[in-house]
Amino acid sequence: MAESENGEKTAPGAGKALKYVLIAFVAVSVGAVIYKNLPCCSGDKATAAPVAAAAAEAAQPVVKSETKTPAKAVKPSGKPAAEGKTAMVYYFYTNTRCSSCQTIEAYTREAVTTKLAAGYKGWKIEFKGVNVDDDANKHFVQDYWLNSKSVVVQKYAGEKPLKWGKLDKVWQLLGDKEAFMSYVADETRKLLDEK
């Protein structure tokens, strides 16, 4: 047995072993953070989507429709519908854009412009991409509880924000364009049917 500086007896090499254990712990922790953030930004959509979906689903709270209204909602663009009922389908993104993120934006935009273009039960439905890294848009992170790139549907009566819902399955459906677009359209209609 070796004796440490403070007089305690230790096994030979115990200090080195502890040092290697701590280094391994730090390396695994850093690796986990990198792994959690990398799939979204890899170019391989086939393998990135399921892994990113699982990571995003685990990280996001399940929020369907909330009665909470954001403090600083962005006004719908264009003229409101005849009764002033508008739904905004937002895609929230950051300055860092991967191919999966761009695909989600494109599919969401296409779902709104093709499947929801005629409106729904008197609701006018619009798409808007919002960069939450812009100072004017940072409030959306708290308003809609965003922790990753997300699709959110917000109802408005005139300019007054009403209920909203986060579409959590967009990452899971990324590999199936038709299922993705149907999900966006169906969830938007469900939210609009709610009082």
N, C-alpha and C. Protein backbone atom coordinates (compact mmCIF):
# COMPACT_ATOMS: atom_id res chain seq x y z
N MET A 1 0.84 -1.18 0.00
CA MET A 1 0.00 0.00 0.00
C MET A 1 0.88 1.24 0.00
N ALA A 2 0.43 2.22 -0.75
CA ALA A 2 1.15 3.49 -0.80
C ALA A 2 0.48 4.46 0.17
N GLU A 3 1.21 5.47 0.58
CA GLU A 3 0.66 6.43 1.51
C GLU A 3 0.49 7.76 0.77
N SER A 4 -0.71 8.37 0.90
CA SER A 4 -0.98 9.64 0.22
C SER A 4 -0.37 10.77 1.02
N GLU A 5 -0.49 12.00 0.49
CA GLU A 5 0.09 13.17 1.13
C GLU A 5 -0.50 13.41 2.53
N ASN A 6 -1.76 13.07 2.74
CA ASN A 6 -2.37 13.32 4.05
C ASN A 6 -2.30 12.11 4.97
N GLY A 7 -1.49 11.12 4.61
CA GLY A 7 -1.24 10.00 5.47
C GLY A 7 -2.17 8.82 5.30
N GLU A 8 -3.13 8.89 4.39
CA GLU A 8 -4.05 7.78 4.18
C GLU A 8 -3.39 6.73 3.29
N LYS A 9 -3.74 5.46 3.55
CA LYS A 9 -3.18 4.38 2.74
C LYS A 9 -4.09 4.13 1.56
N THR A 10 -3.49 4.05 0.38
CA THR A 10 -4.25 3.82 -0.85
C THR A 10 -3.58 2.70 -1.63
N ALA A 11 -4.37 2.07 -2.48
CA ALA A 11 -3.82 1.02 -3.33
C ALA A 11 -2.97 1.69 -4.40
N PRO A 12 -1.90 0.99 -4.84
CA PRO A 12 -1.06 1.56 -5.88
C PRO A 12 -1.90 1.81 -7.14
N GLY A 13 -1.77 2.98 -7.74
CA GLY A 13 -2.47 3.30 -8.98
C GLY A 13 -3.90 3.76 -8.78
N ALA A 14 -4.36 3.88 -7.51
CA ALA A 14 -5.74 4.29 -7.27
C ALA A 14 -5.98 5.71 -7.78
N GLY A 15 -5.00 6.57 -7.63
CA GLY A 15 -5.13 7.95 -8.12
C GLY A 15 -5.28 7.98 -9.63
N LYS A 16 -4.49 7.14 -10.31
CA LYS A 16 -4.58 7.07 -11.77
C LYS A 16 -5.93 6.52 -12.20
N ALA A 17 -6.40 5.51 -11.49
CA ALA A 17 -7.69 4.90 -11.84
C ALA A 17 -8.81 5.92 -11.69
N LEU A 18 -8.79 6.66 -10.60
CA LEU A 18 -9.81 7.67 -10.36
C LEU A 18 -9.74 8.75 -11.45
N LYS A 19 -8.54 9.11 -11.82
CA LYS A 19 -8.34 10.11 -12.87
C LYS A 19 -8.95 9.62 -14.18
N TYR A 20 -8.73 8.37 -14.54
CA TYR A 20 -9.26 7.82 -15.79
C TYR A 20 -10.78 7.68 -15.74
N VAL A 21 -11.31 7.34 -14.59
CA VAL A 21 -12.77 7.24 -14.43
C VAL A 21 -13.41 8.60 -14.63
N LEU A 22 -12.83 9.63 -14.04
CA LEU A 22 -13.36 10.99 -14.19
C LEU A 22 -13.26 11.47 -15.63
N ILE A 23 -12.17 11.19 -16.29
CA ILE A 23 -12.00 11.57 -17.69
C ILE A 23 -13.03 10.84 -18.55
N ALA A 24 -13.24 9.57 -18.28
CA ALA A 24 -14.22 8.80 -19.04
C ALA A 24 -15.62 9.35 -18.83
N PHE A 25 -15.94 9.73 -17.59
CA PHE A 25 -17.26 10.30 -17.30
C PHE A 25 -17.48 11.58 -18.08
N VAL A 26 -16.49 12.45 -18.08
CA VAL A 26 -16.60 13.71 -18.83
C VAL A 26 -16.75 13.42 -20.32
N ALA A 27 -15.96 12.49 -20.84
CA ALA A 27 -16.04 12.16 -22.26
C ALA A 27 -17.40 11.61 -22.64
N VAL A 28 -17.96 10.74 -21.83
CA VAL A 28 -19.28 10.17 -22.10
C VAL A 28 -20.34 11.27 -22.03
N SER A 29 -20.24 12.16 -21.05
CA SER A 29 -21.21 13.26 -20.93
C SER A 29 -21.16 14.17 -22.15
N VAL A 30 -19.97 14.54 -22.57
CA VAL A 30 -19.82 15.39 -23.76
C VAL A 30 -20.33 14.64 -24.99
N GLY A 31 -20.00 13.37 -25.09
CA GLY A 31 -20.47 12.56 -26.22
C GLY A 31 -21.99 12.48 -26.28
N ALA A 32 -22.63 12.35 -25.12
CA ALA A 32 -24.10 12.29 -25.06
C ALA A 32 -24.72 13.59 -25.55
N VAL A 33 -24.14 14.71 -25.15
CA VAL A 33 -24.66 16.01 -25.60
C VAL A 33 -24.48 16.16 -27.11
N ILE A 34 -23.32 15.79 -27.61
CA ILE A 34 -23.06 15.88 -29.05
C ILE A 34 -23.99 14.95 -29.80
N TYR A 35 -24.15 13.72 -29.32
CA TYR A 35 -25.02 12.76 -29.99
C TYR A 35 -26.45 13.26 -30.04
N LYS A 36 -26.90 13.83 -28.94
CA LYS A 36 -28.28 14.32 -28.87
C LYS A 36 -28.52 15.45 -29.86
N ASN A 37 -27.52 16.26 -30.12
CA ASN A 37 -27.68 17.40 -31.01
C ASN A 37 -27.28 17.13 -32.45
N LEU A 38 -26.50 16.10 -32.71
CA LEU A 38 -26.01 15.84 -34.06
C LEU A 38 -27.03 15.28 -35.03
N PRO A 39 -27.89 14.33 -34.69
CA PRO A 39 -28.75 13.72 -35.70
C PRO A 39 -29.57 14.72 -36.49
N CYS A 40 -30.04 15.74 -35.84
CA CYS A 40 -30.83 16.76 -36.52
C CYS A 40 -30.01 17.44 -37.61
N CYS A 41 -28.73 17.57 -37.38
CA CYS A 41 -27.91 18.35 -38.30
C CYS A 41 -27.09 17.51 -39.25
N SER A 42 -27.26 16.19 -39.26
CA SER A 42 -26.53 15.38 -40.22
C SER A 42 -27.24 15.43 -41.55
N GLY A 43 -26.55 15.15 -42.61
CA GLY A 43 -27.16 15.20 -43.92
C GLY A 43 -27.97 13.97 -44.25
N ASP A 44 -27.86 12.90 -43.46
CA ASP A 44 -28.55 11.65 -43.75
C ASP A 44 -29.93 11.65 -43.12
N LYS A 45 -30.95 12.04 -43.92
CA LYS A 45 -32.31 12.17 -43.40
C LYS A 45 -32.89 10.83 -42.97
N ALA A 46 -32.52 9.75 -43.64
CA ALA A 46 -33.11 8.45 -43.33
C ALA A 46 -32.79 8.00 -41.92
N THR A 47 -31.54 8.20 -41.49
CA THR A 47 -31.18 7.79 -40.14
C THR A 47 -31.34 8.91 -39.15
N ALA A 48 -31.26 10.15 -39.60
CA ALA A 48 -31.34 11.29 -38.67
C ALA A 48 -32.74 11.48 -38.14
N ALA A 49 -33.75 11.30 -38.97
CA ALA A 49 -35.13 11.60 -38.56
C ALA A 49 -35.59 10.78 -37.37
N PRO A 50 -35.45 9.42 -37.40
CA PRO A 50 -35.93 8.67 -36.23
C PRO A 50 -35.16 9.00 -34.96
N VAL A 51 -33.85 9.17 -35.07
CA VAL A 51 -33.05 9.47 -33.88
C VAL A 51 -33.38 10.87 -33.38
N ALA A 52 -33.50 11.83 -34.30
CA ALA A 52 -33.83 13.20 -33.91
C ALA A 52 -35.23 13.25 -33.32
N ALA A 53 -36.14 12.48 -33.88
CA ALA A 53 -37.52 12.46 -33.36
C ALA A 53 -37.55 11.94 -31.93
N ALA A 54 -36.80 10.88 -31.69
CA ALA A 54 -36.78 10.32 -30.34
C ALA A 54 -36.16 11.31 -29.37
N ALA A 55 -35.08 11.97 -29.78
CA ALA A 55 -34.44 12.94 -28.90
C ALA A 55 -35.35 14.14 -28.66
N ALA A 56 -35.99 14.61 -29.72
CA ALA A 56 -36.89 15.76 -29.58
C ALA A 56 -38.10 15.41 -28.73
N GLU A 57 -38.65 14.20 -28.93
CA GLU A 57 -39.82 13.79 -28.16
C GLU A 57 -39.48 13.67 -26.69
N ALA A 58 -38.30 13.14 -26.39
CA ALA A 58 -37.89 12.99 -25.00
C ALA A 58 -37.66 14.35 -24.35
N ALA A 59 -37.16 15.31 -25.13
CA ALA A 59 -36.83 16.61 -24.57
C ALA A 59 -38.03 17.53 -24.44
N GLN A 60 -39.05 17.34 -25.28
CA GLN A 60 -40.18 18.26 -25.29
C GLN A 60 -41.29 17.80 -24.37
N PRO A 61 -41.89 18.74 -23.64
CA PRO A 61 -43.08 18.37 -22.88
C PRO A 61 -44.22 18.15 -23.85
N VAL A 62 -45.12 17.25 -23.52
CA VAL A 62 -46.25 16.98 -24.39
C VAL A 62 -47.25 18.10 -24.20
N VAL A 63 -47.40 18.91 -25.23
CA VAL A 63 -48.32 20.03 -25.17
C VAL A 63 -49.19 19.95 -26.40
N LYS A 64 -50.43 19.70 -26.23
CA LYS A 64 -51.35 19.59 -27.36
C LYS A 64 -51.96 20.95 -27.62
N SER A 65 -52.95 21.31 -26.88
CA SER A 65 -53.60 22.60 -27.03
C SER A 65 -53.60 23.28 -25.67
N GLU A 66 -53.18 24.49 -25.67
CA GLU A 66 -53.10 25.23 -24.43
C GLU A 66 -54.02 26.44 -24.49
N THR A 67 -54.59 26.78 -23.37
CA THR A 67 -55.41 27.96 -23.31
C THR A 67 -54.56 29.19 -23.07
N LYS A 68 -53.31 28.99 -22.70
CA LYS A 68 -52.41 30.11 -22.49
C LYS A 68 -52.20 30.81 -23.82
N THR A 69 -52.19 32.11 -23.79
CA THR A 69 -51.92 32.86 -25.01
C THR A 69 -50.60 33.57 -24.82
N PRO A 70 -49.79 33.63 -25.87
CA PRO A 70 -48.49 34.27 -25.74
C PRO A 70 -48.64 35.77 -25.49
N ALA A 71 -47.68 36.29 -24.76
CA ALA A 71 -47.73 37.70 -24.39
C ALA A 71 -47.54 38.60 -25.61
N LYS A 72 -46.66 38.21 -26.50
CA LYS A 72 -46.34 39.06 -27.65
C LYS A 72 -46.51 38.26 -28.92
N ALA A 73 -47.70 37.97 -29.32
CA ALA A 73 -47.93 37.20 -30.53
C ALA A 73 -47.68 38.07 -31.75
N VAL A 74 -47.20 37.45 -32.82
CA VAL A 74 -47.02 38.15 -34.07
C VAL A 74 -48.36 38.23 -34.75
N LYS A 75 -48.72 39.38 -35.21
CA LYS A 75 -50.00 39.56 -35.88
C LYS A 75 -50.02 38.78 -37.17
N PRO A 76 -51.16 38.19 -37.53
CA PRO A 76 -51.25 37.49 -38.81
C PRO A 76 -51.01 38.47 -39.94
N SER A 77 -50.32 38.01 -40.98
CA SER A 77 -50.07 38.89 -42.12
C SER A 77 -51.29 38.89 -43.03
N GLY A 78 -51.42 39.92 -43.81
CA GLY A 78 -52.54 40.01 -44.74
C GLY A 78 -53.80 40.42 -44.03
N LYS A 79 -54.89 40.44 -44.79
CA LYS A 79 -56.18 40.83 -44.23
C LYS A 79 -56.80 39.66 -43.49
N PRO A 80 -57.42 39.90 -42.34
CA PRO A 80 -58.08 38.81 -41.63
C PRO A 80 -59.28 38.31 -42.41
N ALA A 81 -59.70 37.07 -42.13
CA ALA A 81 -60.86 36.49 -42.78
C ALA A 81 -62.09 37.33 -42.44
N ALA A 82 -63.19 37.08 -43.16
CA ALA A 82 -64.39 37.89 -43.01
C ALA A 82 -64.79 38.07 -41.55
N GLU A 83 -64.75 37.01 -40.77
CA GLU A 83 -65.12 37.08 -39.36
C GLU A 83 -63.91 37.38 -38.48
N GLY A 84 -62.75 37.61 -39.08
CA GLY A 84 -61.56 37.89 -38.31
C GLY A 84 -60.95 36.66 -37.68
N LYS A 85 -61.28 35.47 -38.20
CA LYS A 85 -60.74 34.23 -37.64
C LYS A 85 -59.57 33.77 -38.51
N THR A 86 -58.39 33.78 -37.91
CA THR A 86 -57.17 33.39 -38.61
C THR A 86 -56.41 32.39 -37.77
N ALA A 87 -55.81 31.42 -38.45
CA ALA A 87 -54.90 30.49 -37.79
C ALA A 87 -53.53 30.63 -38.44
N MET A 88 -52.52 30.80 -37.61
CA MET A 88 -51.16 30.91 -38.12
C MET A 88 -50.43 29.61 -37.80
N VAL A 89 -49.89 28.99 -38.83
CA VAL A 89 -49.07 27.79 -38.65
C VAL A 89 -47.63 28.28 -38.70
N TYR A 90 -47.00 28.34 -37.53
CA TYR A 90 -45.63 28.83 -37.41
C TYR A 90 -44.64 27.67 -37.51
N TYR A 91 -43.52 27.94 -38.16
CA TYR A 91 -42.37 27.04 -38.06
C TYR A 91 -41.28 27.87 -37.40
N PHE A 92 -40.88 27.48 -36.19
CA PHE A 92 -39.85 28.20 -35.44
C PHE A 92 -38.51 27.52 -35.66
N TYR A 93 -37.52 28.31 -36.07
CA TYR A 93 -36.19 27.78 -36.35
C TYR A 93 -35.14 28.72 -35.79
N THR A 94 -33.87 28.32 -35.94
CA THR A 94 -32.76 29.14 -35.47
C THR A 94 -31.82 29.42 -36.64
N ASN A 95 -30.74 30.13 -36.37
CA ASN A 95 -29.76 30.42 -37.43
C ASN A 95 -29.09 29.14 -37.94
N THR A 96 -28.99 28.13 -37.09
CA THR A 96 -28.39 26.85 -37.48
C THR A 96 -29.47 26.03 -38.16
N ARG A 97 -29.32 25.77 -39.45
CA ARG A 97 -30.35 25.07 -40.22
C ARG A 97 -29.74 23.81 -40.84
N CYS A 98 -30.28 22.67 -40.49
CA CYS A 98 -29.84 21.41 -41.10
C CYS A 98 -30.83 21.02 -42.19
N SER A 99 -30.52 19.97 -42.93
CA SER A 99 -31.42 19.56 -44.02
C SER A 99 -32.76 19.08 -43.48
N SER A 100 -32.77 18.43 -42.33
CA SER A 100 -34.03 17.98 -41.73
C SER A 100 -34.89 19.18 -41.34
N CYS A 101 -34.25 20.19 -40.79
CA CYS A 101 -34.98 21.40 -40.38
C CYS A 101 -35.59 22.09 -41.60
N GLN A 102 -34.85 22.16 -42.67
CA GLN A 102 -35.35 22.79 -43.89
C GLN A 102 -36.48 21.97 -44.50
N THR A 103 -36.39 20.65 -44.38
CA THR A 103 -37.45 19.79 -44.89
C THR A 103 -38.73 19.99 -44.09
N ILE A 104 -38.62 20.09 -42.77
CA ILE A 104 -39.80 20.32 -41.94
C ILE A 104 -40.47 21.63 -42.36
N GLU A 105 -39.68 22.66 -42.58
CA GLU A 105 -40.25 23.94 -43.01
C GLU A 105 -40.95 23.80 -44.36
N ALA A 106 -40.29 23.13 -45.31
CA ALA A 106 -40.87 22.98 -46.65
C ALA A 106 -42.16 22.16 -46.61
N TYR A 107 -42.17 21.05 -45.88
CA TYR A 107 -43.37 20.21 -45.78
C TYR A 107 -44.51 20.95 -45.09
N THR A 108 -44.19 21.70 -44.04
CA THR A 108 -45.22 22.45 -43.32
C THR A 108 -45.82 23.52 -44.23
N ARG A 109 -44.97 24.25 -44.91
CA ARG A 109 -45.43 25.29 -45.85
C ARG A 109 -46.32 24.66 -46.92
N GLU A 110 -45.89 23.53 -47.47
CA GLU A 110 -46.66 22.87 -48.52
C GLU A 110 -48.00 22.35 -47.99
N ALA A 111 -48.02 21.83 -46.77
CA ALA A 111 -49.27 21.36 -46.18
C ALA A 111 -50.27 22.50 -46.07
N VAL A 112 -49.80 23.66 -45.65
CA VAL A 112 -50.68 24.81 -45.50
C VAL A 112 -51.16 25.32 -46.86
N THR A 113 -50.24 25.39 -47.83
CA THR A 113 -50.62 25.96 -49.13
C THR A 113 -51.41 24.99 -50.00
N THR A 114 -51.37 23.69 -49.72
CA THR A 114 -52.13 22.75 -50.54
C THR A 114 -53.34 22.19 -49.80
N LYS A 115 -53.16 21.69 -48.61
CA LYS A 115 -54.25 21.03 -47.88
C LYS A 115 -55.14 22.00 -47.10
N LEU A 116 -54.63 23.20 -46.83
CA LEU A 116 -55.39 24.15 -46.02
C LEU A 116 -55.61 25.49 -46.74
N ALA A 117 -55.28 25.54 -48.01
CA ALA A 117 -55.35 26.80 -48.76
C ALA A 117 -56.75 27.39 -48.80
N ALA A 118 -57.76 26.54 -48.85
CA ALA A 118 -59.15 27.02 -48.94
C ALA A 118 -59.68 27.46 -47.58
N GLY A 119 -58.89 27.32 -46.52
CA GLY A 119 -59.37 27.65 -45.19
C GLY A 119 -60.12 26.47 -44.60
N TYR A 120 -60.75 26.71 -43.46
CA TYR A 120 -61.47 25.64 -42.78
C TYR A 120 -62.55 26.25 -41.90
N LYS A 121 -63.80 25.95 -42.21
CA LYS A 121 -64.95 26.41 -41.41
C LYS A 121 -64.87 27.89 -41.05
N GLY A 122 -64.55 28.71 -42.05
CA GLY A 122 -64.48 30.15 -41.83
C GLY A 122 -63.14 30.65 -41.32
N TRP A 123 -62.20 29.75 -41.11
CA TRP A 123 -60.87 30.14 -40.65
C TRP A 123 -59.96 30.33 -41.86
N LYS A 124 -59.22 31.41 -41.88
CA LYS A 124 -58.17 31.63 -42.87
C LYS A 124 -56.89 31.07 -42.25
N ILE A 125 -56.15 30.26 -43.00
CA ILE A 125 -54.96 29.60 -42.45
C ILE A 125 -53.73 30.07 -43.22
N GLU A 126 -52.73 30.52 -42.50
CA GLU A 126 -51.50 31.04 -43.09
C GLU A 126 -50.29 30.33 -42.51
N PHE A 127 -49.18 30.36 -43.26
CA PHE A 127 -47.91 29.80 -42.80
C PHE A 127 -46.95 30.96 -42.55
N LYS A 128 -46.13 30.82 -41.51
CA LYS A 128 -45.09 31.83 -41.26
C LYS A 128 -43.88 31.16 -40.61
N GLY A 129 -42.71 31.32 -41.23
CA GLY A 129 -41.46 30.87 -40.64
C GLY A 129 -40.90 31.98 -39.76
N VAL A 130 -40.44 31.62 -38.57
CA VAL A 130 -39.94 32.62 -37.62
C VAL A 130 -38.59 32.16 -37.06
N ASN A 131 -37.58 33.01 -37.21
CA ASN A 131 -36.26 32.73 -36.65
C ASN A 131 -36.21 33.25 -35.22
N VAL A 132 -36.17 32.33 -34.26
CA VAL A 132 -36.18 32.74 -32.84
C VAL A 132 -34.82 33.26 -32.37
N ASP A 133 -33.81 33.21 -33.23
CA ASP A 133 -32.52 33.82 -32.89
C ASP A 133 -32.55 35.33 -33.11
N ASP A 134 -33.52 35.83 -33.87
CA ASP A 134 -33.67 37.27 -34.05
C ASP A 134 -34.19 37.86 -32.74
N ASP A 135 -33.62 38.98 -32.32
CA ASP A 135 -33.99 39.58 -31.03
C ASP A 135 -35.49 39.81 -30.90
N ALA A 136 -36.13 40.26 -31.96
CA ALA A 136 -37.56 40.56 -31.89
C ALA A 136 -38.41 39.31 -31.69
N ASN A 137 -37.86 38.13 -31.98
CA ASN A 137 -38.62 36.88 -31.91
C ASN A 137 -38.25 35.99 -30.73
N LYS A 138 -37.32 36.40 -29.92
CA LYS A 138 -36.85 35.55 -28.81
C LYS A 138 -37.96 35.21 -27.82
N HIS A 139 -38.95 36.07 -27.69
CA HIS A 139 -40.04 35.83 -26.74
C HIS A 139 -40.83 34.57 -27.07
N PHE A 140 -40.81 34.15 -28.32
CA PHE A 140 -41.56 32.95 -28.71
C PHE A 140 -41.08 31.70 -27.97
N VAL A 141 -39.80 31.65 -27.62
CA VAL A 141 -39.25 30.49 -26.92
C VAL A 141 -40.01 30.26 -25.62
N GLN A 142 -40.28 31.32 -24.88
CA GLN A 142 -41.05 31.19 -23.63
C GLN A 142 -42.55 31.11 -23.92
N ASP A 143 -43.02 31.90 -24.87
CA ASP A 143 -44.45 31.93 -25.18
C ASP A 143 -44.98 30.54 -25.52
N TYR A 144 -44.22 29.80 -26.31
CA TYR A 144 -44.67 28.49 -26.79
C TYR A 144 -43.85 27.33 -26.22
N TRP A 145 -43.06 27.58 -25.21
CA TRP A 145 -42.26 26.55 -24.55
C TRP A 145 -41.39 25.79 -25.55
N LEU A 146 -40.67 26.51 -26.38
CA LEU A 146 -39.86 25.89 -27.42
C LEU A 146 -38.52 25.44 -26.86
N ASN A 147 -38.11 24.23 -27.22
CA ASN A 147 -36.77 23.77 -26.87
C ASN A 147 -36.08 23.14 -28.06
N SER A 148 -36.70 23.22 -29.21
CA SER A 148 -36.09 22.80 -30.47
C SER A 148 -36.90 23.43 -31.58
N LYS A 149 -36.49 23.16 -32.80
CA LYS A 149 -37.26 23.67 -33.93
C LYS A 149 -38.64 23.03 -33.91
N SER A 150 -39.67 23.85 -34.04
CA SER A 150 -41.03 23.36 -33.79
C SER A 150 -42.05 23.96 -34.74
N VAL A 151 -43.17 23.23 -34.88
CA VAL A 151 -44.33 23.73 -35.60
C VAL A 151 -45.43 23.98 -34.56
N VAL A 152 -45.98 25.19 -34.59
CA VAL A 152 -47.02 25.59 -33.64
C VAL A 152 -48.17 26.20 -34.43
N VAL A 153 -49.40 25.84 -34.06
CA VAL A 153 -50.59 26.44 -34.65
C VAL A 153 -51.20 27.37 -33.61
N GLN A 154 -51.39 28.63 -34.00
CA GLN A 154 -51.95 29.64 -33.11
C GLN A 154 -53.23 30.18 -33.73
N LYS A 155 -54.33 30.18 -32.95
CA LYS A 155 -55.61 30.75 -33.40
C LYS A 155 -55.69 32.21 -32.99
N TYR A 156 -56.29 33.02 -33.87
CA TYR A 156 -56.51 34.43 -33.58
C TYR A 156 -57.96 34.79 -33.88
N ALA A 157 -58.52 35.66 -33.04
CA ALA A 157 -59.80 36.31 -33.33
C ALA A 157 -59.42 37.76 -33.61
N GLY A 158 -59.41 38.14 -34.88
CA GLY A 158 -58.85 39.44 -35.25
C GLY A 158 -57.36 39.39 -34.97
N GLU A 159 -56.90 40.26 -34.08
CA GLU A 159 -55.48 40.24 -33.70
C GLU A 159 -55.27 39.65 -32.30
N LYS A 160 -56.36 39.21 -31.67
CA LYS A 160 -56.26 38.64 -30.32
C LYS A 160 -55.90 37.16 -30.38
N PRO A 161 -54.77 36.77 -29.77
CA PRO A 161 -54.38 35.36 -29.77
C PRO A 161 -55.31 34.53 -28.90
N LEU A 162 -55.67 33.35 -29.39
CA LEU A 162 -56.52 32.42 -28.65
C LEU A 162 -55.70 31.18 -28.31
N LYS A 163 -56.30 30.00 -28.45
CA LYS A 163 -55.61 28.74 -28.17
C LYS A 163 -54.49 28.48 -29.18
N TRP A 164 -53.55 27.66 -28.74
CA TRP A 164 -52.48 27.24 -29.62
C TRP A 164 -52.12 25.80 -29.31
N GLY A 165 -51.44 25.16 -30.24
CA GLY A 165 -50.98 23.78 -30.04
C GLY A 165 -49.67 23.55 -30.74
N LYS A 166 -48.82 22.76 -30.12
CA LYS A 166 -47.52 22.40 -30.70
C LYS A 166 -47.66 21.03 -31.37
N LEU A 167 -47.18 20.91 -32.59
CA LEU A 167 -47.26 19.66 -33.34
C LEU A 167 -45.97 18.88 -33.11
N ASP A 168 -45.99 18.05 -32.08
CA ASP A 168 -44.79 17.36 -31.62
C ASP A 168 -44.31 16.23 -32.53
N LYS A 169 -45.17 15.69 -33.37
CA LYS A 169 -44.79 14.51 -34.17
C LYS A 169 -44.12 14.84 -35.50
N VAL A 170 -43.84 16.12 -35.77
CA VAL A 170 -43.25 16.45 -37.07
C VAL A 170 -41.88 15.79 -37.26
N TRP A 171 -41.11 15.64 -36.19
CA TRP A 171 -39.80 15.00 -36.31
C TRP A 171 -39.96 13.51 -36.62
N GLN A 172 -40.96 12.87 -36.04
CA GLN A 172 -41.17 11.44 -36.27
C GLN A 172 -41.65 11.16 -37.69
N LEU A 173 -42.41 12.07 -38.26
CA LEU A 173 -43.00 11.86 -39.58
C LEU A 173 -42.16 12.42 -40.72
N LEU A 174 -40.99 12.90 -40.42
CA LEU A 174 -40.13 13.54 -41.40
C LEU A 174 -39.82 12.66 -42.60
N GLY A 175 -39.74 11.35 -42.42
CA GLY A 175 -39.42 10.44 -43.51
C GLY A 175 -40.59 10.09 -44.41
N ASP A 176 -41.80 10.56 -44.09
CA ASP A 176 -43.00 10.25 -44.88
C ASP A 176 -43.75 11.55 -45.15
N LYS A 177 -43.48 12.14 -46.32
CA LYS A 177 -44.02 13.46 -46.65
C LYS A 177 -45.54 13.51 -46.57
N GLU A 178 -46.23 12.53 -47.14
CA GLU A 178 -47.70 12.55 -47.12
C GLU A 178 -48.25 12.46 -45.70
N ALA A 179 -47.67 11.56 -44.90
CA ALA A 179 -48.13 11.43 -43.51
C ALA A 179 -47.85 12.72 -42.74
N PHE A 180 -46.71 13.33 -43.00
CA PHE A 180 -46.33 14.59 -42.36
C PHE A 180 -47.35 15.67 -42.70
N MET A 181 -47.63 15.83 -43.99
CA MET A 181 -48.55 16.89 -44.42
C MET A 181 -49.97 16.64 -43.91
N SER A 182 -50.40 15.40 -43.90
CA SER A 182 -51.73 15.07 -43.37
C SER A 182 -51.80 15.37 -41.88
N TYR A 183 -50.72 15.06 -41.16
CA TYR A 183 -50.66 15.33 -39.73
C TYR A 183 -50.81 16.83 -39.46
N VAL A 184 -50.07 17.65 -40.20
CA VAL A 184 -50.15 19.10 -40.01
C VAL A 184 -51.57 19.59 -40.29
N ALA A 185 -52.16 19.14 -41.39
CA ALA A 185 -53.51 19.57 -41.75
C ALA A 185 -54.54 19.08 -40.72
N ASP A 186 -54.45 17.81 -40.33
CA ASP A 186 -55.42 17.24 -39.38
C ASP A 186 -55.33 17.91 -38.01
N GLU A 187 -54.12 18.10 -37.52
CA GLU A 187 -53.95 18.72 -36.19
C GLU A 187 -54.39 20.19 -36.21
N THR A 188 -54.16 20.87 -37.33
CA THR A 188 -54.63 22.24 -37.45
C THR A 188 -56.15 22.30 -37.40
N ARG A 189 -56.80 21.40 -38.14
CA ARG A 189 -58.26 21.36 -38.13
C ARG A 189 -58.80 21.02 -36.72
N LYS A 190 -58.15 20.07 -36.04
CA LYS A 190 -58.60 19.71 -34.68
C LYS A 190 -58.53 20.92 -33.75
N LEU A 191 -57.45 21.66 -33.83
CA LEU A 191 -57.31 22.84 -32.97
C LEU A 191 -58.39 23.87 -33.32
N LEU A 192 -58.67 24.03 -34.60
CA LEU A 192 -59.67 25.02 -35.01
C LEU A 192 -61.08 24.60 -34.59
N ASP A 193 -61.31 23.30 -34.45
CA ASP A 193 -62.62 22.82 -34.00
C ASP A 193 -62.85 23.02 -32.51
N GLU A 194 -61.76 23.17 -31.74
CA GLU A 194 -61.87 23.38 -30.30
C GLU A 194 -62.36 24.79 -30.01
N LYS A 195 -63.13 24.89 -28.94
CA LYS A 195 -63.66 26.21 -28.53
C LYS A 195 -62.64 26.94 -27.69
